C-alpha atoms as a PDB file:
ATOM      1  CA  MET A   1      64.415  63.809 169.567  1.00  0.00           C
ATOM      2  CA  ASP A   2      66.613  66.049 171.525  1.00  0.00           C
ATOM      3  CA  LYS A   3      64.809  67.770 174.494  1.00  0.00           C
ATOM      4  CA  GLU A   4      65.261  71.323 172.940  1.00  0.00           C
ATOM      5  CA  LYS A   5      63.226  70.262 170.025  1.00  0.00           C
ATOM      6  CA  HIS A   6      60.259  69.545 172.283  1.00  0.00           C
ATOM      7  CA  GLU A   7      60.557  72.762 173.997  1.00  0.00           C
ATOM      8  CA  ARG A   8      57.901  75.416 173.125  1.00  0.00           C
ATOM      9  CA  LYS A   9      59.008  78.511 171.413  1.00  0.00           C
ATOM     10  CA  ILE A  10      57.119  81.708 172.354  1.00  0.00           C
ATOM     11  CA  VAL A  11      56.027  84.025 169.365  1.00  0.00           C
ATOM     12  CA  TYR A  12      54.885  87.330 170.282  1.00  0.00           C
ATOM     13  CA  PHE A  13      52.106  89.072 168.086  1.00  0.00           C
ATOM     14  CA  PRO A  14      53.425  91.828 165.916  1.00  0.00           C
ATOM     15  CA  ASN A  15      53.714  95.366 167.693  1.00  0.00           C
ATOM     16  CA  VAL A  16      53.020  93.967 171.137  1.00  0.00           C
ATOM     17  CA  ALA A  17      55.378  96.225 172.610  1.00  0.00           C
ATOM     18  CA  GLY A  18      53.614  99.098 171.018  1.00  0.00           C
ATOM     19  CA  LYS A  19      50.196  97.855 172.434  1.00  0.00           C
ATOM     20  CA  LEU A  20      51.431  97.049 175.738  1.00  0.00           C
ATOM     21  CA  VAL A  21      52.787 100.805 176.097  1.00  0.00           C
ATOM     22  CA  GLU A  22      49.819 102.402 174.896  1.00  0.00           C
ATOM     23  CA  LYS A  23      47.662  99.920 177.638  1.00  0.00           C
ATOM     24  CA  GLY A  24      50.282 100.832 180.547  1.00  0.00           C
ATOM     25  CA  MET A  25      49.979 104.620 179.567  1.00  0.00           C
ATOM     26  CA  ALA A  26      46.323 104.513 179.337  1.00  0.00           C
ATOM     27  CA  ALA A  27      46.041 102.679 182.667  1.00  0.00           C
ATOM     28  CA  LEU A  28      48.558 105.385 184.287  1.00  0.00           C
ATOM     29  CA  LYS A  29      46.197 108.167 183.044  1.00  0.00           C
ATOM     30  CA  ALA A  30      43.173 106.442 184.502  1.00  0.00           C
ATOM     31  CA  LYS A  31      44.688 105.989 187.610  1.00  0.00           C
ATOM     32  CA  GLU A  32      44.859 102.227 187.412  1.00  0.00           C
ATOM     33  CA  ILE A  33      48.144 101.942 188.670  1.00  0.00           C
ATOM     34  CA  LYS A  34      48.344  98.016 189.334  1.00  0.00           C
ATOM     35  CA  GLU A  35      47.213  97.555 185.944  1.00  0.00           C
ATOM     36  CA  ALA A  36      49.814 100.156 184.460  1.00  0.00           C
ATOM     37  CA  HIS A  37      52.645  98.084 186.337  1.00  0.00           C
ATOM     38  CA  LYS A  38      50.967  94.782 184.981  1.00  0.00           C
ATOM     39  CA  HIS A  39      51.312  95.885 181.369  1.00  0.00           C
ATOM     40  CA  PHE A  40      54.883  97.652 181.571  1.00  0.00           C
ATOM     41  CA  SER A  41      56.196  94.237 183.558  1.00  0.00           C
ATOM     42  CA  GLN A  42      54.946  92.278 180.516  1.00  0.00           C
ATOM     43  CA  LEU A  43      56.924  94.519 178.299  1.00  0.00           C
ATOM     44  CA  LEU A  44      60.072  94.511 180.086  1.00  0.00           C
ATOM     45  CA  GLU A  45      59.838  90.717 180.124  1.00  0.00           C
ATOM     46  CA  ILE A  46      59.789  90.812 176.250  1.00  0.00           C
ATOM     47  CA  GLU A  47      62.384  93.648 175.745  1.00  0.00           C
ATOM     48  CA  PRO A  48      64.027  94.554 178.989  1.00  0.00           C
ATOM     49  CA  ASP A  49      65.613  97.716 177.501  1.00  0.00           C
ATOM     50  CA  HIS A  50      62.526  99.146 175.799  1.00  0.00           C
ATOM     51  CA  PRO A  51      62.688 102.894 176.681  1.00  0.00           C
ATOM     52  CA  GLN A  52      58.944 103.608 177.038  1.00  0.00           C
ATOM     53  CA  GLY A  53      58.515 100.471 179.000  1.00  0.00           C
ATOM     54  CA  ASN A  54      61.210 101.381 181.548  1.00  0.00           C
ATOM     55  CA  PHE A  55      59.659 104.910 181.970  1.00  0.00           C
ATOM     56  CA  GLY A  56      56.417 103.765 182.062  1.00  0.00           C
ATOM     57  CA  MET A  57      57.629 101.169 184.959  1.00  0.00           C
ATOM     58  CA  VAL A  58      58.999 104.255 186.839  1.00  0.00           C
ATOM     59  CA  LEU A  59      55.988 106.162 186.747  1.00  0.00           C
ATOM     60  CA  SER A  60      54.004 103.504 187.969  1.00  0.00           C
ATOM     61  CA  LEU A  61      56.390 102.786 190.640  1.00  0.00           C
ATOM     62  CA  VAL A  62      56.207 106.389 191.997  1.00  0.00           C
ATOM     63  CA  GLU A  63      52.339 106.248 192.065  1.00  0.00           C
ATOM     64  CA  MET A  64      52.393 103.031 193.777  1.00  0.00           C
ATOM     65  CA  GLY A  65      54.778 104.852 196.632  1.00  0.00           C
ATOM     66  CA  ASP A  66      57.798 102.455 195.829  1.00  0.00           C
ATOM     67  CA  LEU A  67      60.148 105.463 195.490  1.00  0.00           C
ATOM     68  CA  LYS A  68      63.123 103.723 196.413  1.00  0.00           C
ATOM     69  CA  GLU A  69      62.973 101.133 193.329  1.00  0.00           C
ATOM     70  CA  ALA A  70      61.805 103.975 190.908  1.00  0.00           C
ATOM     71  CA  SER A  71      65.006 105.707 191.943  1.00  0.00           C
ATOM     72  CA  GLU A  72      67.094 102.707 191.242  1.00  0.00           C
ATOM     73  CA  ARG A  73      65.635 102.043 188.046  1.00  0.00           C
ATOM     74  CA  CYS A  74      66.122 105.893 187.067  1.00  0.00           C
ATOM     75  CA  GLU A  75      69.911 105.542 187.933  1.00  0.00           C
ATOM     76  CA  THR A  76      70.224 102.238 185.621  1.00  0.00           C
ATOM     77  CA  MET A  77      68.401 103.827 182.848  1.00  0.00           C
ATOM     78  CA  MET A  78      70.424 106.798 183.096  1.00  0.00           C
ATOM     79  CA  GLN A  79      73.735 104.771 183.397  1.00  0.00           C
ATOM     80  CA  GLN A  80      73.020 102.472 180.476  1.00  0.00           C
ATOM     81  CA  GLY A  81      71.600 105.078 178.029  1.00  0.00           C
ATOM     82  CA  ILE A  82      67.798 103.909 177.969  1.00  0.00           C
ATOM     83  CA  GLY A  83      65.429 106.494 177.110  1.00  0.00           C
ATOM     84  CA  ASP A  84      65.378 110.283 177.034  1.00  0.00           C
ATOM     85  CA  TYR A  85      68.333 111.343 179.523  1.00  0.00           C
ATOM     86  CA  TYR A  86      66.877 114.396 180.617  1.00  0.00           C
ATOM     87  CA  ASP A  87      63.025 113.144 181.012  1.00  0.00           C
ATOM     88  CA  ILE A  88      64.460 110.388 183.197  1.00  0.00           C
ATOM     89  CA  PHE A  89      66.621 113.095 184.908  1.00  0.00           C
ATOM     90  CA  GLN A  90      63.807 114.998 186.090  1.00  0.00           C
ATOM     91  CA  VAL A  91      61.846 112.394 187.228  1.00  0.00           C
ATOM     92  CA  TYR A  92      64.818 110.976 189.073  1.00  0.00           C
ATOM     93  CA  ILE A  93      65.260 114.396 190.723  1.00  0.00           C
ATOM     94  CA  SER A  94      61.902 114.625 191.729  1.00  0.00           C
ATOM     95  CA  ILE A  95      62.076 111.312 193.253  1.00  0.00           C
ATOM     96  CA  LEU A  96      65.151 112.301 195.274  1.00  0.00           C
ATOM     97  CA  VAL A  97      63.319 115.593 196.617  1.00  0.00           C
ATOM     98  CA  GLN A  98      60.636 113.464 197.883  1.00  0.00           C
ATOM     99  CA  LEU A  99      63.106 110.820 199.552  1.00  0.00           C
ATOM    100  CA  GLY A 100      64.739 113.825 201.178  1.00  0.00           C
ATOM    101  CA  LYS A 101      67.969 113.378 199.569  1.00  0.00           C
ATOM    102  CA  TYR A 102      68.665 117.209 198.968  1.00  0.00           C
ATOM    103  CA  GLN A 103      72.516 116.758 198.909  1.00  0.00           C
ATOM    104  CA  ASN A 104      72.402 114.412 195.985  1.00  0.00           C
ATOM    105  CA  VAL A 105      69.947 116.697 194.199  1.00  0.00           C
ATOM    106  CA  VAL A 106      72.177 119.516 194.538  1.00  0.00           C
ATOM    107  CA  THR A 107      75.120 117.554 193.207  1.00  0.00           C
ATOM    108  CA  MET A 108      73.444 116.225 190.278  1.00  0.00           C
ATOM    109  CA  ILE A 109      71.904 119.557 189.373  1.00  0.00           C
ATOM    110  CA  GLU A 110      75.209 121.314 189.452  1.00  0.00           C
ATOM    111  CA  ALA A 111      76.926 118.677 187.263  1.00  0.00           C
ATOM    112  CA  VAL A 112      74.530 119.017 184.533  1.00  0.00           C
ATOM    113  CA  LEU A 113      74.516 122.973 184.736  1.00  0.00           C
ATOM    114  CA  GLN A 114      78.512 122.608 184.635  1.00  0.00           C
ATOM    115  CA  GLU A 115      77.827 120.705 181.074  1.00  0.00           C
ATOM    116  CA  ASN A 116      76.083 123.803 179.910  1.00  0.00           C
ATOM    117  CA  GLN A 117      73.591 121.559 178.092  1.00  0.00           C
ATOM    118  CA  LEU A 118      70.428 122.069 180.061  1.00  0.00           C
ATOM    119  CA  PRO A 119      67.305 122.264 177.694  1.00  0.00           C
ATOM    120  CA  SER A 120      65.692 125.600 178.028  1.00  0.00           C
ATOM    121  CA  ASN A 121      62.329 123.647 178.686  1.00  0.00           C
ATOM    122  CA  ILE A 122      63.383 122.182 182.068  1.00  0.00           C
ATOM    123  CA  ALA A 123      65.818 124.703 183.085  1.00  0.00           C
ATOM    124  CA  GLU A 124      63.036 126.804 185.207  1.00  0.00           C
ATOM    125  CA  SER A 125      62.103 123.736 187.404  1.00  0.00           C
ATOM    126  CA  LEU A 126      65.624 122.453 187.829  1.00  0.00           C
ATOM    127  CA  TYR A 127      66.574 126.189 189.274  1.00  0.00           C
ATOM    128  CA  GLN A 128      63.805 125.971 191.522  1.00  0.00           C
ATOM    129  CA  LEU A 129      64.846 122.426 192.878  1.00  0.00           C
ATOM    130  CA  LEU A 130      68.408 123.399 193.034  1.00  0.00           C
ATOM    131  CA  HIS A 131      67.620 126.514 195.093  1.00  0.00           C
ATOM    132  CA  PHE A 132      65.149 124.421 197.297  1.00  0.00           C
ATOM    133  CA  SER A 133      67.718 121.584 197.852  1.00  0.00           C
ATOM    134  CA  ARG A 134      70.577 124.142 198.807  1.00  0.00           C
ATOM    135  CA  GLN A 135      67.946 125.619 201.530  1.00  0.00           C
ATOM    136  CA  MET A 136      67.095 122.218 202.780  1.00  0.00           C
ATOM    137  CA  THR A 137      70.751 121.111 203.011  1.00  0.00           C
ATOM    138  CA  SER A 138      71.085 124.084 205.496  1.00  0.00           C
ATOM    139  CA  TYR A 139      68.798 121.896 207.916  1.00  0.00           C
ATOM    140  CA  ASP A 140      69.865 118.631 209.670  1.00  0.00           C
ATOM    141  CA  ILE A 141      66.804 116.883 208.705  1.00  0.00           C
ATOM    142  CA  ASP A 142      66.395 113.052 207.940  1.00  0.00           C
ATOM    143  CA  SER A 143      63.734 111.939 205.468  1.00  0.00           C
ATOM    144  CA  ASP A 144      60.695 110.792 206.954  1.00  0.00           C
ATOM    145  CA  ASP A 145      59.152 107.617 206.325  1.00  0.00           C
ATOM    146  CA  GLU A 146      55.698 109.227 206.300  1.00  0.00           C
ATOM    147  CA  PHE A 147      56.959 111.481 203.059  1.00  0.00           C
ATOM    148  CA  GLU A 148      57.690 108.239 201.344  1.00  0.00           C
ATOM    149  CA  THR A 149      54.493 106.296 201.819  1.00  0.00           C
ATOM    150  CA  VAL A 150      52.036 109.116 200.938  1.00  0.00           C
ATOM    151  CA  GLN A 151      50.050 108.628 197.958  1.00  0.00           C
ATOM    152  CA  GLU A 152      48.701 111.217 195.267  1.00  0.00           C
ATOM    153  CA  GLU A 153      45.049 109.759 195.691  1.00  0.00           C
ATOM    154  CA  ASP A 154      45.559 110.677 199.324  1.00  0.00           C
ATOM    155  CA  ALA A 155      44.039 114.420 198.817  1.00  0.00           C
ATOM    156  CA  ASP A 156      42.795 115.103 202.339  1.00  0.00           C
ATOM    157  CA  LYS A 157      46.338 114.186 203.723  1.00  0.00           C
ATOM    158  CA  LEU A 158      48.044 116.316 201.315  1.00  0.00           C
ATOM    159  CA  ILE A 159      46.107 119.202 201.857  1.00  0.00           C
ATOM    160  CA  ALA A 160      46.443 119.049 205.533  1.00  0.00           C
ATOM    161  CA  TYR A 161      50.401 118.834 204.444  1.00  0.00           C
ATOM    162  CA  LEU A 162      49.760 122.280 202.462  1.00  0.00           C
ATOM    163  CA  GLU A 163      48.331 123.717 205.410  1.00  0.00           C
ATOM    164  CA  SER A 164      51.180 122.683 207.668  1.00  0.00           C
ATOM    165  CA  ASN A 165      53.841 124.904 208.935  1.00  0.00           C
ATOM    166  CA  LYS A 166      56.422 122.740 207.878  1.00  0.00           C
ATOM    167  CA  THR A 167      58.292 123.611 204.642  1.00  0.00           C
ATOM    168  CA  GLU A 168      58.920 119.902 203.582  1.00  0.00           C
ATOM    169  CA  LYS A 169      55.522 118.879 203.764  1.00  0.00           C
ATOM    170  CA  GLN A 170      54.180 121.785 201.928  1.00  0.00           C
ATOM    171  CA  TRP A 171      56.660 120.852 198.955  1.00  0.00           C
ATOM    172  CA  LEU A 172      55.632 117.735 199.067  1.00  0.00           C
ATOM    173  CA  ALA A 173      51.980 118.577 198.791  1.00  0.00           C
ATOM    174  CA  ILE A 174      52.880 121.054 195.924  1.00  0.00           C
ATOM    175  CA  GLN A 175      54.466 118.067 193.840  1.00  0.00           C
ATOM    176  CA  LYS A 176      51.699 115.481 194.396  1.00  0.00           C
ATOM    177  CA  LEU A 177      48.871 117.696 194.600  1.00  0.00           C
ATOM    178  CA  SER A 178      49.095 118.292 190.868  1.00  0.00           C
ATOM    179  CA  ALA A 179      48.199 114.629 190.146  1.00  0.00           C
ATOM    180  CA  VAL A 180      44.880 114.503 192.397  1.00  0.00           C
ATOM    181  CA  ASN A 181      41.734 115.306 191.181  1.00  0.00           C
ATOM    182  CA  GLU A 182      41.599 119.102 190.342  1.00  0.00           C
ATOM    183  CA  LYS A 183      38.249 119.431 192.198  1.00  0.00           C
ATOM    184  CA  LYS A 184      40.161 119.408 195.493  1.00  0.00           C
ATOM    185  CA  SER A 185      43.651 120.538 194.510  1.00  0.00           C
ATOM    186  CA  ILE A 186      42.905 123.759 192.419  1.00  0.00           C
ATOM    187  CA  PRO A 187      40.822 125.384 195.230  1.00  0.00           C
ATOM    188  CA  VAL A 188      43.525 124.707 198.053  1.00  0.00           C
ATOM    189  CA  TYR A 189      46.204 125.856 195.549  1.00  0.00           C
ATOM    190  CA  LEU A 190      44.102 129.425 195.141  1.00  0.00           C
ATOM    191  CA  THR A 191      43.851 129.592 198.939  1.00  0.00           C
ATOM    192  CA  TYR A 192      47.417 129.053 199.215  1.00  0.00           C
ATOM    193  CA  LEU A 193      48.413 131.881 196.522  1.00  0.00           C
ATOM    194  CA  ASN A 194      46.067 134.253 198.358  1.00  0.00           C
ATOM    195  CA  ALA A 195      47.362 133.721 201.661  1.00  0.00           C
ATOM    196  CA  THR A 196      49.533 136.374 203.277  1.00  0.00           C
ATOM    197  CA  ASP A 197      51.713 134.215 205.330  1.00  0.00           C
ATOM    198  CA  LYS A 198      52.862 131.809 202.921  1.00  0.00           C
ATOM    199  CA  ASP A 199      56.214 131.416 201.514  1.00  0.00           C
ATOM    200  CA  PRO A 200      56.845 133.181 197.985  1.00  0.00           C
ATOM    201  CA  LEU A 201      59.228 130.749 196.463  1.00  0.00           C
ATOM    202  CA  LEU A 202      56.684 127.981 197.072  1.00  0.00           C
ATOM    203  CA  LYS A 203      53.905 130.084 195.769  1.00  0.00           C
ATOM    204  CA  SER A 204      55.962 130.431 192.696  1.00  0.00           C
ATOM    205  CA  LEU A 205      55.903 126.590 192.503  1.00  0.00           C
ATOM    206  CA  VAL A 206      52.103 126.334 192.803  1.00  0.00           C
ATOM    207  CA  LEU A 207      51.919 128.886 189.910  1.00  0.00           C
ATOM    208  CA  GLN A 208      54.068 126.865 187.832  1.00  0.00           C
ATOM    209  CA  VAL A 209      51.826 123.918 188.758  1.00  0.00           C
ATOM    210  CA  LEU A 210      48.938 126.015 187.638  1.00  0.00           C
ATOM    211  CA  ARG A 211      50.493 127.207 184.419  1.00  0.00           C
ATOM    212  CA  GLU A 212      51.236 123.366 183.272  1.00  0.00           C
ATOM    213  CA  LYS A 213      47.720 122.562 184.050  1.00  0.00           C
ATOM    214  CA  GLU A 214      46.700 125.744 181.631  1.00  0.00           C
ATOM    215  CA  LEU A 215      44.340 126.979 184.418  1.00  0.00           C
ATOM    216  CA  ASN A 216      42.444 129.735 182.511  1.00  0.00           C
ATOM    217  CA  GLN A 217      41.139 131.998 185.125  1.00  0.00           C
ATOM    218  CA  GLU A 218      42.195 134.648 187.154  1.00  0.00           C
ATOM    219  CA  VAL A 219      43.839 134.039 190.444  1.00  0.00           C
ATOM    220  CA  ILE A 220      45.079 136.546 193.037  1.00  0.00           C
ATOM    221  CA  VAL A 221      48.705 136.318 194.162  1.00  0.00           C
ATOM    222  CA  HIS A 222      50.081 138.089 197.411  1.00  0.00           C
ATOM    223  CA  LYS A 223      53.874 138.490 197.739  1.00  0.00           C
ATOM    224  CA  PHE A 224      56.062 140.954 199.663  1.00  0.00           C
ATOM    225  CA  GLY A 225      53.110 142.794 200.715  1.00  0.00           C
ATOM    226  CA  ARG A 226      51.502 143.015 197.133  1.00  0.00           C
ATOM    227  CA  GLU A 227      48.929 141.971 195.388  1.00  0.00           C
ATOM    228  CA  ILE A 228      48.578 141.050 191.429  1.00  0.00           C
ATOM    229  CA  THR A 229      45.725 139.075 189.591  1.00  0.00           C
ATOM    230  CA  VAL A 230      46.830 136.862 186.742  1.00  0.00           C
ATOM    231  CA  ASN A 231      45.900 134.328 184.375  1.00  0.00           C
ATOM    232  CA  PRO A 232      48.175 131.113 184.853  1.00  0.00           C
ATOM    233  CA  SER A 233      47.184 129.901 181.583  1.00  0.00           C
ATOM    234  CA  GLU A 234      48.794 133.109 180.037  1.00  0.00           C
ATOM    235  CA  LEU A 235      52.052 133.326 181.762  1.00  0.00           C
ATOM    236  CA  LYS A 236      55.011 132.719 180.075  1.00  0.00           C
ATOM    237  CA  ASP A 237      58.363 131.026 180.855  1.00  0.00           C
ATOM    238  CA  ILE A 238      60.179 133.768 183.091  1.00  0.00           C
ATOM    239  CA  PHE A 239      63.525 132.993 181.867  1.00  0.00           C
ATOM    240  CA  LEU A 240      62.949 133.124 177.987  1.00  0.00           C
ATOM    241  CA  GLN A 241      61.155 136.537 178.014  1.00  0.00           C
ATOM    242  CA  ASP A 242      63.000 139.284 175.994  1.00  0.00           C
ATOM    243  CA  PHE A 243      63.875 141.210 178.992  1.00  0.00           C
ATOM    244  CA  SER A 244      65.418 138.309 180.796  1.00  0.00           C
ATOM    245  CA  LEU A 245      67.581 137.271 177.718  1.00  0.00           C
ATOM    246  CA  SER A 246      68.724 140.887 177.180  1.00  0.00           C
ATOM    247  CA  VAL A 247      70.177 140.603 180.866  1.00  0.00           C
ATOM    248  CA  LYS A 248      71.738 137.333 180.051  1.00  0.00           C
ATOM    249  CA  SER A 249      73.367 138.576 176.628  1.00  0.00           C
ATOM    250  CA  LYS A 250      74.845 141.852 178.559  1.00  0.00           C
ATOM    251  CA  LEU A 251      76.213 139.429 181.397  1.00  0.00           C
ATOM    252  CA  SER A 252      77.511 137.002 178.543  1.00  0.00           C
ATOM    253  CA  HIS A 253      79.334 139.821 176.909  1.00  0.00           C
ATOM    254  CA  VAL A 254      81.125 141.224 179.706  1.00  0.00           C
ATOM    255  CA  VAL A 255      81.562 138.152 182.027  1.00  0.00           C
ATOM    256  CA  GLU A 256      81.400 134.923 179.976  1.00  0.00           C
ATOM    257  CA  GLN A 257      84.638 134.870 178.321  1.00  0.00           C
ATOM    258  CA  LYS A 258      86.600 136.219 181.039  1.00  0.00           C
ATOM    259  CA  ASN A 259      85.255 134.042 183.801  1.00  0.00           C
ATOM    260  CA  PRO A 260      82.872 131.340 182.894  1.00  0.00           C
ATOM    261  CA  ALA A 261      82.368 129.926 186.379  1.00  0.00           C
ATOM    262  CA  LEU A 262      81.262 134.008 187.585  1.00  0.00           C
ATOM    263  CA  PHE A 263      78.808 133.886 184.706  1.00  0.00           C
ATOM    264  CA  GLU A 264      77.088 130.602 185.731  1.00  0.00           C
ATOM    265  CA  MET A 265      76.842 132.253 189.048  1.00  0.00           C
ATOM    266  CA  CYS A 266      75.462 135.266 187.545  1.00  0.00           C
ATOM    267  CA  MET A 267      72.746 133.327 186.074  1.00  0.00           C
ATOM    268  CA  GLN A 268      71.822 131.272 188.720  1.00  0.00           C
ATOM    269  CA  ILE A 269      71.386 134.425 190.975  1.00  0.00           C
ATOM    270  CA  TRP A 270      69.211 136.134 188.228  1.00  0.00           C
ATOM    271  CA  ARG A 271      67.068 132.992 187.505  1.00  0.00           C
ATOM    272  CA  HIS A 272      66.484 132.814 191.363  1.00  0.00           C
ATOM    273  CA  TYR A 273      65.478 136.544 191.442  1.00  0.00           C
ATOM    274  CA  LEU A 274      63.000 136.165 188.733  1.00  0.00           C
ATOM    275  CA  PHE A 275      61.496 133.253 189.999  1.00  0.00           C
ATOM    276  CA  ALA A 276      61.201 134.424 193.441  1.00  0.00           C
ATOM    277  CA  ILE A 277      59.533 137.673 192.345  1.00  0.00           C
ATOM    278  CA  SER A 278      57.144 136.240 189.773  1.00  0.00           C
ATOM    279  CA  PRO A 279      54.698 136.931 188.666  1.00  0.00           C
ATOM    280  CA  PHE A 280      56.046 140.511 189.299  1.00  0.00           C
ATOM    281  CA  GLU A 281      58.452 141.290 187.010  1.00  0.00           C
ATOM    282  CA  ALA A 282      61.908 143.115 187.620  1.00  0.00           C
ATOM    283  CA  GLU A 283      61.645 147.078 188.097  1.00  0.00           C
ATOM    284  CA  PRO A 284      63.131 149.240 186.466  1.00  0.00           C
ATOM    285  CA  SER A 285      62.836 147.595 183.028  1.00  0.00           C
ATOM    286  CA  ASN A 286      66.231 148.529 182.204  1.00  0.00           C
ATOM    287  CA  SER A 287      68.348 145.354 181.614  1.00  0.00           C
ATOM    288  CA  ALA A 288      71.911 146.990 181.927  1.00  0.00           C
ATOM    289  CA  VAL A 289      70.647 147.929 185.472  1.00  0.00           C
ATOM    290  CA  TRP A 290      70.034 144.413 186.276  1.00  0.00           C
ATOM    291  CA  ALA A 291      73.040 143.271 184.406  1.00  0.00           C
ATOM    292  CA  ALA A 292      75.012 145.341 186.519  1.00  0.00           C
ATOM    293  CA  ALA A 293      73.558 144.444 189.707  1.00  0.00           C
ATOM    294  CA  VAL A 294      73.782 140.667 189.136  1.00  0.00           C
ATOM    295  CA  HIS A 295      77.325 141.118 188.200  1.00  0.00           C
ATOM    296  CA  LYS A 296      77.863 143.090 191.476  1.00  0.00           C
ATOM    297  CA  VAL A 297      75.897 140.488 193.893  1.00  0.00           C
ATOM    298  CA  ALA A 298      77.643 137.397 192.362  1.00  0.00           C
ATOM    299  CA  SER A 299      81.136 139.090 192.611  1.00  0.00           C
ATOM    300  CA  GLU A 300      80.336 140.108 196.147  1.00  0.00           C
ATOM    301  CA  MET A 301      79.136 136.374 197.127  1.00  0.00           C
ATOM    302  CA  ASN A 302      82.252 135.050 195.007  1.00  0.00           C
ATOM    303  CA  GLY A 303      84.591 137.157 197.187  1.00  0.00           C
ATOM    304  CA  GLU A 304      85.821 139.302 194.536  1.00  0.00           C
ATOM    305  CA  ASP A 305      86.472 143.303 195.252  1.00  0.00           C
ATOM    306  CA  LEU A 306      84.806 144.856 192.125  1.00  0.00           C
ATOM    307  CA  LEU A 307      84.544 148.388 192.234  1.00  0.00           C
ATOM    308  CA  ASN A 308      80.950 150.265 191.390  1.00  0.00           C
ATOM    309  CA  GLU A 309      82.996 152.509 188.633  1.00  0.00           C
ATOM    310  CA  GLU A 310      84.297 149.491 186.906  1.00  0.00           C
ATOM    311  CA  LEU A 311      80.459 148.425 186.664  1.00  0.00           C
ATOM    312  CA  SER A 312      79.314 151.778 185.519  1.00  0.00           C
ATOM    313  CA  ASP A 313      81.950 151.552 182.755  1.00  0.00           C
ATOM    314  CA  TYR A 314      80.975 148.002 181.874  1.00  0.00           C
ATOM    315  CA  TYR A 315      76.963 148.632 181.664  1.00  0.00           C
ATOM    316  CA  GLU A 316      76.926 152.125 180.909  1.00  0.00           C
ATOM    317  CA  VAL A 317      74.606 152.819 183.890  1.00  0.00           C
ATOM    318  CA  LYS A 318      74.781 154.851 187.097  1.00  0.00           C
ATOM    319  CA  SER A 319      76.040 152.939 190.239  1.00  0.00           C
ATOM    320  CA  SER A 320      73.064 154.635 192.236  1.00  0.00           C
ATOM    321  CA  GLU A 321      70.616 152.666 189.638  1.00  0.00           C
ATOM    322  CA  PHE A 322      72.204 149.327 190.156  1.00  0.00           C
ATOM    323  CA  GLU A 323      72.808 149.517 193.464  1.00  0.00           C
ATOM    324  CA  VAL A 324      69.132 149.750 194.547  1.00  0.00           C
ATOM    325  CA  ALA A 325      68.651 146.773 192.225  1.00  0.00           C
ATOM    326  CA  ALA A 326      71.498 144.617 193.883  1.00  0.00           C
ATOM    327  CA  ASN A 327      70.191 145.796 197.183  1.00  0.00           C
ATOM    328  CA  ARG A 328      66.539 143.789 196.047  1.00  0.00           C
ATOM    329  CA  ILE A 329      68.605 140.904 194.759  1.00  0.00           C
ATOM    330  CA  MET A 330      70.250 140.524 198.377  1.00  0.00           C
ATOM    331  CA  ASN A 331      67.267 140.956 199.957  1.00  0.00           C
ATOM    332  CA  ILE A 332      65.907 137.823 198.260  1.00  0.00           C
ATOM    333  CA  GLU A 333      69.301 136.008 198.672  1.00  0.00           C
ATOM    334  CA  ASN A 334      69.126 136.665 202.505  1.00  0.00           C
ATOM    335  CA  GLN A 335      65.024 135.923 202.800  1.00  0.00           C
ATOM    336  CA  PRO A 336      64.460 133.129 205.025  1.00  0.00           C
ATOM    337  CA  PHE A 337      61.560 131.809 203.008  1.00  0.00           C
ATOM    338  CA  TYR A 338      61.759 128.284 204.421  1.00  0.00           C
ATOM    339  CA  ARG A 339      60.930 127.986 208.052  1.00  0.00           C
ATOM    340  CA  PRO A 340      62.998 125.646 210.051  1.00  0.00           C
ATOM    341  CA  PHE A 341      61.197 122.469 210.930  1.00  0.00           C
ATOM    342  CA  GLU A 342      59.538 122.134 214.321  1.00  0.00           C
END
C-alpha cells in the first residue's frame, strides 16, 4: 500500500471554529490572555483566514504586549481583506499610537478621510487620534521601549503615567487604563477630570472612555477656567447632535461643491473645536455664526484672502458675530495643550 494510505487524516468536529472563537473571546474577557492566545492559534491552524480568529489573535497579542506582531497581523488582514476593515483599522491605529509611530497614524487617517467613507460611529475617536498625532509629530521624539512593554494589568504603573507631566505617558495611561479593573481606574480618571492643570483635550479623551463604559454618576470637569458637572452615561456623540449637523449642512451648502478640500478642512476644524470644548457647548447656539467662523478660520489657514463681507452674505450673519467665534476657534487651534517632553 502507498504510504499516503497509511497517513492519518484529521477530521474536525462540527463547528469547531465557532467553539474556539467563543472560548478565545471568553478567555480575553476573563483576562486569561495566554489561554485566549492558545484558542486563537488553534483556530488559525484550521482556518488561517478566519476573520474572528485573526481579530482575536490581534487582541490577544496586544494584551500580551507584543505590539509589533499585532501591528504586522493588522497590516496583513487589511491587505488581504480579512475581517471588518474599519474594526481592524481602529485597532491598528491604536497600536501605532502606542508604538509612537505618529506620522504613520497621520498618513493613514488622512487617507481614509480623503475617501470620505468614514463610518460616523468611529469618526470621533479617529479625529482625536489625528489631532493628537499631528501634535506629536511636531516633537522630535523616538518611541520608548518602556511604553511598548507596559501591560494593561500593571495598574499602578499606568496610574503613575497619568500623573506624570509627559503627554505621551498620560495618553498611554488613558488608552490602557480603560482595560484595568474599574475600582482603580475610575477614581483616577475622576481626579484627572477635576484637576485644573491637566490638558483639556486629554480630559475629553477621558470623558469618552467613561462614556463608553457607561459610567452612571455625576463627575466634575474643569476646563478653561470653568467647571461643569456631567453624567458620562448621558453624554451624546457631539458630532451627531443637531447643532453640529446644522453647522455641517451650512458649510456643505456654501463650500463643499466649490472646494471639497476646503470643506474637509472646515469639518476637521469644527470637530476639533467641539471635541476640545466638550462637554461644554458652542455659544452662541447659532449654527450660521459658527459655520461662518469655521469657514473664515479654514480659509485663513489655507492662505486664502476671504473678506468678512463675503462671509456675511454667504451665511447671513454680521461679521461682528462670527469674528468672536472665529477667535475662539483660533485660540483652541493655537493652544499649547500638549506639554513638551522633558
